[in-house]
C-alpha atoms as a PDB file:
ATOM      1  CA  MET A   1       0.033  -0.035   0.052  1.00  0.00           C
ATOM      2  CA  PRO A   2       1.710   3.284  -1.013  1.00  0.00           C
ATOM      3  CA  THR A   3       1.916   6.144   1.398  1.00  0.00           C
ATOM      4  CA  GLU A   4       1.365   9.722   0.555  1.00  0.00           C
ATOM      5  CA  PRO A   5       4.416  11.921   0.880  1.00  0.00           C
ATOM      6  CA  ASN A   6       2.569  14.804   2.645  1.00  0.00           C
ATOM      7  CA  ALA A   7       0.575  12.651   4.964  1.00  0.00           C
ATOM      8  CA  SER A   8       3.346  11.410   7.495  1.00  0.00           C
ATOM      9  CA  PRO A   9       4.517  14.605   9.044  1.00  0.00           C
ATOM     10  CA  ARG A  10       0.931  15.932   9.775  1.00  0.00           C
ATOM     11  CA  GLY A  11       0.077  12.490  11.415  1.00  0.00           C
ATOM     12  CA  THR A  12       3.034  12.363  13.686  1.00  0.00           C
ATOM     13  CA  ASP A  13       2.733  15.902  14.838  1.00  0.00           C
ATOM     14  CA  ALA A  14      -1.005  15.446  15.796  1.00  0.00           C
ATOM     15  CA  ALA A  15      -0.268  12.157  17.610  1.00  0.00           C
ATOM     16  CA  ARG A  16       2.603  13.791  19.376  1.00  0.00           C
ATOM     17  CA  SER A  17       0.487  16.718  20.436  1.00  0.00           C
ATOM     18  CA  VAL A  18      -2.160  14.429  21.711  1.00  0.00           C
ATOM     19  CA  ARG A  19       0.372  12.351  23.699  1.00  0.00           C
ATOM     20  CA  PHE A  20       1.937  15.528  25.120  1.00  0.00           C
ATOM     21  CA  GLU A  21      -1.427  16.817  26.178  1.00  0.00           C
ATOM     22  CA  ALA A  22      -2.366  13.565  27.886  1.00  0.00           C
ATOM     23  CA  GLN A  23       0.859  12.915  29.616  1.00  0.00           C
ATOM     24  CA  VAL A  24       2.334  16.326  30.412  1.00  0.00           C
ATOM     25  CA  VAL A  25      -0.480  18.850  30.704  1.00  0.00           C
ATOM     26  CA  PRO A  26      -2.024  17.133  33.679  1.00  0.00           C
ATOM     27  CA  TYR A  27       1.041  18.231  35.748  1.00  0.00           C
ATOM     28  CA  LEU A  28       0.860  21.876  34.741  1.00  0.00           C
ATOM     29  CA  ASP A  29      -0.398  22.718  38.183  1.00  0.00           C
ATOM     30  CA  ALA A  30       2.703  21.055  39.703  1.00  0.00           C
ATOM     31  CA  ALA A  31       4.795  23.035  37.463  1.00  0.00           C
ATOM     32  CA  HIS A  32       3.350  26.231  38.198  1.00  0.00           C
ATOM     33  CA  ASN A  33       3.555  25.635  41.901  1.00  0.00           C
ATOM     34  CA  LEU A  34       7.209  24.852  41.718  1.00  0.00           C
ATOM     35  CA  ALA A  35       7.943  27.883  39.649  1.00  0.00           C
ATOM     36  CA  HIS A  36       5.807  30.099  41.978  1.00  0.00           C
ATOM     37  CA  TRP A  37       8.178  29.077  44.985  1.00  0.00           C
ATOM     38  CA  LEU A  38      11.243  29.363  43.069  1.00  0.00           C
ATOM     39  CA  ALA A  39      10.516  32.733  41.463  1.00  0.00           C
ATOM     40  CA  ARG A  40       8.355  34.195  44.159  1.00  0.00           C
ATOM     41  CA  ASN A  41       6.754  36.471  41.692  1.00  0.00           C
ATOM     42  CA  PRO A  42       3.737  35.520  39.768  1.00  0.00           C
ATOM     43  CA  ALA A  43       4.832  37.147  36.446  1.00  0.00           C
ATOM     44  CA  ASP A  44       8.200  35.386  36.694  1.00  0.00           C
ATOM     45  CA  ALA A  45       6.524  32.140  37.544  1.00  0.00           C
ATOM     46  CA  GLN A  46       4.348  32.371  34.413  1.00  0.00           C
ATOM     47  CA  ASP A  47       7.367  33.013  32.376  1.00  0.00           C
ATOM     48  CA  VAL A  48       9.310  30.006  33.804  1.00  0.00           C
ATOM     49  CA  VAL A  49       6.260  27.667  33.217  1.00  0.00           C
ATOM     50  CA  GLN A  50       5.676  28.948  29.657  1.00  0.00           C
ATOM     51  CA  GLU A  51       9.270  28.509  28.723  1.00  0.00           C
ATOM     52  CA  ALA A  52       9.470  25.154  30.514  1.00  0.00           C
ATOM     53  CA  MET A  53       6.342  23.962  28.664  1.00  0.00           C
ATOM     54  CA  LEU A  54       7.859  25.031  25.458  1.00  0.00           C
ATOM     55  CA  ARG A  55      10.970  23.240  26.231  1.00  0.00           C
ATOM     56  CA  ALA A  56       9.047  20.088  27.379  1.00  0.00           C
ATOM     57  CA  LEU A  57       7.146  20.206  24.020  1.00  0.00           C
ATOM     58  CA  ARG A  58      10.422  20.694  22.049  1.00  0.00           C
ATOM     59  CA  TYR A  59      12.219  17.668  23.702  1.00  0.00           C
ATOM     60  CA  PHE A  60       9.038  15.464  24.396  1.00  0.00           C
ATOM     61  CA  ASP A  61      10.377  13.001  21.791  1.00  0.00           C
ATOM     62  CA  SER A  62      13.502  12.413  23.968  1.00  0.00           C
ATOM     63  CA  PHE A  63      11.228  11.387  26.899  1.00  0.00           C
ATOM     64  CA  HIS A  64      11.239   7.635  26.837  1.00  0.00           C
ATOM     65  CA  GLY A  65       9.038   6.306  29.819  1.00  0.00           C
ATOM     66  CA  GLY A  66       9.506   7.078  33.495  1.00  0.00           C
ATOM     67  CA  ASP A  67       7.735   9.564  35.606  1.00  0.00           C
ATOM     68  CA  VAL A  68       6.485  12.503  33.444  1.00  0.00           C
ATOM     69  CA  ARG A  69       5.984  14.575  36.453  1.00  0.00           C
ATOM     70  CA  VAL A  70       9.607  14.258  37.659  1.00  0.00           C
ATOM     71  CA  TRP A  71      10.796  14.801  33.999  1.00  0.00           C
ATOM     72  CA  LEU A  72       8.605  18.145  33.769  1.00  0.00           C
ATOM     73  CA  LEU A  73       9.621  19.427  37.259  1.00  0.00           C
ATOM     74  CA  ALA A  74      13.171  19.034  36.289  1.00  0.00           C
ATOM     75  CA  ILE A  75      12.624  21.110  33.204  1.00  0.00           C
ATOM     76  CA  VAL A  76      10.865  23.730  35.264  1.00  0.00           C
ATOM     77  CA  ARG A  77      13.701  23.808  37.690  1.00  0.00           C
ATOM     78  CA  ASN A  78      16.364  23.997  35.026  1.00  0.00           C
ATOM     79  CA  THR A  79      14.365  26.654  33.170  1.00  0.00           C
ATOM     80  CA  PHE A  80      14.188  28.748  36.394  1.00  0.00           C
ATOM     81  CA  TYR A  81      17.904  28.562  36.972  1.00  0.00           C
ATOM     82  CA  THR A  82      18.732  29.201  33.327  1.00  0.00           C
ATOM     83  CA  LEU A  83      16.510  32.221  33.153  1.00  0.00           C
ATOM     84  CA  ARG A  84      17.584  33.431  36.572  1.00  0.00           C
ATOM     85  CA  SER A  85      21.349  33.233  35.625  1.00  0.00           C
ATOM     86  CA  ARG A  86      20.726  35.841  33.091  1.00  0.00           C
ATOM     87  CA  ALA A  87      19.550  38.276  35.723  1.00  0.00           C
ATOM     88  CA  PRO A  88      21.650  40.239  38.127  1.00  0.00           C
ATOM     89  CA  HIS A  89      23.276  38.407  41.215  1.00  0.00           C
ATOM     90  CA  ASP A  90      21.093  37.977  44.075  1.00  0.00           C
ATOM     91  CA  ALA A  91      20.542  35.814  47.163  1.00  0.00           C
ATOM     92  CA  LEU A  92      19.853  32.694  44.818  1.00  0.00           C
ATOM     93  CA  HIS A  93      23.590  32.224  44.366  1.00  0.00           C
ATOM     94  CA  ASP A  94      24.487  32.553  48.083  1.00  0.00           C
ATOM     95  CA  GLU A  95      26.155  29.425  49.365  1.00  0.00           C
ATOM     96  CA  LEU A  96      24.582  27.368  52.152  1.00  0.00           C
ATOM     97  CA  ASP A  97      26.533  27.673  55.355  1.00  0.00           C
ATOM     98  CA  ASP A  98      26.556  24.227  57.141  1.00  0.00           C
ATOM     99  CA  VAL A  99      27.811  26.002  60.406  1.00  0.00           C
ATOM    100  CA  LYS A 100      24.730  28.180  60.458  1.00  0.00           C
ATOM    101  CA  HIS A 101      22.430  25.305  59.449  1.00  0.00           C
ATOM    102  CA  PRO A 102      23.398  22.127  61.430  1.00  0.00           C
ATOM    103  CA  LEU A 103      21.407  19.018  60.906  1.00  0.00           C
ATOM    104  CA  VAL A 104      20.273  18.945  64.557  1.00  0.00           C
ATOM    105  CA  ASP A 105      16.426  18.441  65.035  1.00  0.00           C
ATOM    106  CA  ASP A 106      15.262  18.279  68.579  1.00  0.00           C
ATOM    107  CA  GLY A 107      11.882  19.953  68.312  1.00  0.00           C
ATOM    108  CA  PRO A 108       8.556  19.420  66.635  1.00  0.00           C
ATOM    109  CA  SER A 109       8.540  19.116  62.698  1.00  0.00           C
ATOM    110  CA  PRO A 110       7.234  21.916  60.676  1.00  0.00           C
ATOM    111  CA  GLU A 111       4.241  19.645  59.918  1.00  0.00           C
ATOM    112  CA  THR A 112       3.451  19.336  63.524  1.00  0.00           C
ATOM    113  CA  LEU A 113       3.775  23.057  64.047  1.00  0.00           C
ATOM    114  CA  THR A 114       1.457  23.627  60.971  1.00  0.00           C
ATOM    115  CA  LEU A 115      -1.120  21.298  62.406  1.00  0.00           C
ATOM    116  CA  LEU A 116      -1.081  23.288  65.626  1.00  0.00           C
ATOM    117  CA  ALA A 117      -2.773  26.248  63.840  1.00  0.00           C
ATOM    118  CA  VAL A 118       0.047  28.172  62.210  1.00  0.00           C
ATOM    119  CA  ASP A 119      -1.919  30.348  59.731  1.00  0.00           C
ATOM    120  CA  VAL A 120      -1.332  30.014  56.088  1.00  0.00           C
ATOM    121  CA  GLY A 121      -0.066  33.502  55.686  1.00  0.00           C
ATOM    122  CA  ALA A 122       2.706  33.055  58.335  1.00  0.00           C
ATOM    123  CA  LEU A 123       3.790  29.637  56.676  1.00  0.00           C
ATOM    124  CA  GLN A 124       3.931  31.272  53.291  1.00  0.00           C
ATOM    125  CA  ALA A 125       5.874  34.199  54.646  1.00  0.00           C
ATOM    126  CA  ALA A 126       8.375  31.830  56.428  1.00  0.00           C
ATOM    127  CA  LEU A 127       8.668  29.690  53.323  1.00  0.00           C
ATOM    128  CA  GLU A 128       9.541  32.699  51.220  1.00  0.00           C
ATOM    129  CA  LYS A 129      12.380  33.746  53.583  1.00  0.00           C
ATOM    130  CA  LEU A 130      14.144  30.363  53.129  1.00  0.00           C
ATOM    131  CA  PRO A 131      17.160  30.451  50.612  1.00  0.00           C
ATOM    132  CA  PRO A 132      16.146  29.121  47.131  1.00  0.00           C
ATOM    133  CA  PRO A 133      17.902  25.727  47.471  1.00  0.00           C
ATOM    134  CA  LEU A 134      16.148  24.894  50.843  1.00  0.00           C
ATOM    135  CA  ARG A 135      12.795  26.433  49.732  1.00  0.00           C
ATOM    136  CA  GLU A 136      13.099  24.220  46.534  1.00  0.00           C
ATOM    137  CA  VAL A 137      13.598  20.792  48.367  1.00  0.00           C
ATOM    138  CA  LEU A 138      10.984  21.774  50.859  1.00  0.00           C
ATOM    139  CA  VAL A 139       8.365  22.629  47.991  1.00  0.00           C
ATOM    140  CA  LEU A 140       9.103  19.428  46.255  1.00  0.00           C
ATOM    141  CA  ARG A 141       8.965  17.185  49.191  1.00  0.00           C
ATOM    142  CA  GLU A 142       6.017  18.599  51.176  1.00  0.00           C
ATOM    143  CA  LEU A 143       3.758  20.358  48.640  1.00  0.00           C
ATOM    144  CA  GLU A 144       4.604  18.208  45.560  1.00  0.00           C
ATOM    145  CA  GLU A 145       4.902  15.020  47.697  1.00  0.00           C
ATOM    146  CA  CYS A 146       8.016  13.983  45.703  1.00  0.00           C
ATOM    147  CA  SER A 147      10.135  11.043  47.013  1.00  0.00           C
ATOM    148  CA  TYR A 148      13.905  11.773  47.892  1.00  0.00           C
ATOM    149  CA  LYS A 149      14.786   9.744  44.822  1.00  0.00           C
ATOM    150  CA  GLU A 150      12.533  12.055  42.575  1.00  0.00           C
ATOM    151  CA  ILE A 151      13.940  15.106  44.279  1.00  0.00           C
ATOM    152  CA  ALA A 152      17.489  13.938  43.469  1.00  0.00           C
ATOM    153  CA  ALA A 153      16.546  13.413  39.929  1.00  0.00           C
ATOM    154  CA  ILE A 154      14.787  16.843  39.483  1.00  0.00           C
ATOM    155  CA  THR A 155      17.576  18.737  41.190  1.00  0.00           C
ATOM    156  CA  GLU A 156      20.552  16.544  39.893  1.00  0.00           C
ATOM    157  CA  GLN A 157      21.774  16.087  43.475  1.00  0.00           C
ATOM    158  CA  LYS A 158      22.805  13.055  45.434  1.00  0.00           C
ATOM    159  CA  ILE A 159      20.044  11.682  47.708  1.00  0.00           C
ATOM    160  CA  GLY A 160      22.308  12.576  50.895  1.00  0.00           C
ATOM    161  CA  THR A 161      22.407  16.060  49.734  1.00  0.00           C
ATOM    162  CA  VAL A 162      18.716  16.288  49.226  1.00  0.00           C
ATOM    163  CA  MET A 163      18.239  14.814  52.681  1.00  0.00           C
ATOM    164  CA  SER A 164      20.525  17.312  54.385  1.00  0.00           C
ATOM    165  CA  ARG A 165      19.060  20.169  52.473  1.00  0.00           C
ATOM    166  CA  LEU A 166      15.448  18.991  53.445  1.00  0.00           C
ATOM    167  CA  ALA A 167      16.714  18.720  57.274  1.00  0.00           C
ATOM    168  CA  ARG A 168      18.070  22.260  57.190  1.00  0.00           C
ATOM    169  CA  ALA A 169      14.965  23.517  55.454  1.00  0.00           C
ATOM    170  CA  ARG A 170      12.634  22.150  58.008  1.00  0.00           C
ATOM    171  CA  GLU A 171      14.770  23.516  60.828  1.00  0.00           C
ATOM    172  CA  ARG A 172      14.904  26.874  59.192  1.00  0.00           C
ATOM    173  CA  LEU A 173      11.303  26.836  58.616  1.00  0.00           C
ATOM    174  CA  ARG A 174      10.540  25.855  62.157  1.00  0.00           C
ATOM    175  CA  ASP A 175      12.729  28.599  63.436  1.00  0.00           C
ATOM    176  CA  GLU A 176      10.898  31.162  61.260  1.00  0.00           C
ATOM    177  CA  LEU A 177       7.429  29.925  62.492  1.00  0.00           C
ATOM    178  CA  THR A 178       8.407  29.798  66.117  1.00  0.00           C
ATOM    179  CA  CYS A 179      10.365  33.088  66.318  1.00  0.00           C
ATOM    180  CA  ARG A 180       8.009  35.849  67.707  1.00  0.00           C
ATOM    181  CA  PRO A 181       8.864  39.659  67.826  1.00  0.00           C
ATOM    182  CA  LYS A 182      10.052  40.788  71.276  1.00  0.00           C
ATOM    183  CA  GLU A 183       6.870  42.912  71.817  1.00  0.00           C
ATOM    184  CA  VAL A 184       4.771  39.673  71.548  1.00  0.00           C
ATOM    185  CA  ARG A 185       6.950  37.827  73.858  1.00  0.00           C
ATOM    186  CA  ARG A 186       6.885  40.467  76.580  1.00  0.00           C
ATOM    187  CA  HIS A 187       3.215  40.760  76.514  1.00  0.00           C
ATOM    188  CA  ASP A 188       2.413  37.069  76.014  1.00  0.00           C
ATOM    189  CA  VAL A 189       0.381  35.485  78.909  1.00  0.00           C
ATOM    190  CA  ARG A 190       0.942  31.834  79.276  1.00  0.00           C
END
């Protein structure tokens, strides 16, 4: 049966588009959530997601199975850092100091503190104060519910690095949530 020379490219583009929409688009909210917490600016987050989706579509043929969500979130993360590298130097590039952020955790977890009626505004404000590498792993683990292995794949880090960053992020978040202004402490009735 002979094939028409003009029929092949259209058919493959349409099938590719359908597969992309079925496999990748359902994770658009997760992509936007990660971009939002990385960029901390709605307009920048939209730019990151738009560029990441274009890259995902462009390289969709190179995706050969595995977890589409992890693949897409890795693209979002890499897109953010690529776009950010073109911007002026800011706190994003500051190194993490292991002396300032030891791996000691002797108090309640951020999840426990949150369940003890920490309001959403305070939690968001505390999360925004974290350095980007710490905020990134915390968002991926707690908000996107990625496993350590998935986070390691997304961030291109070793699992041990992911675990230590997550511990530091939880500690810093706990410190931010439990830190109260001096006026409040002075007038606090217990």
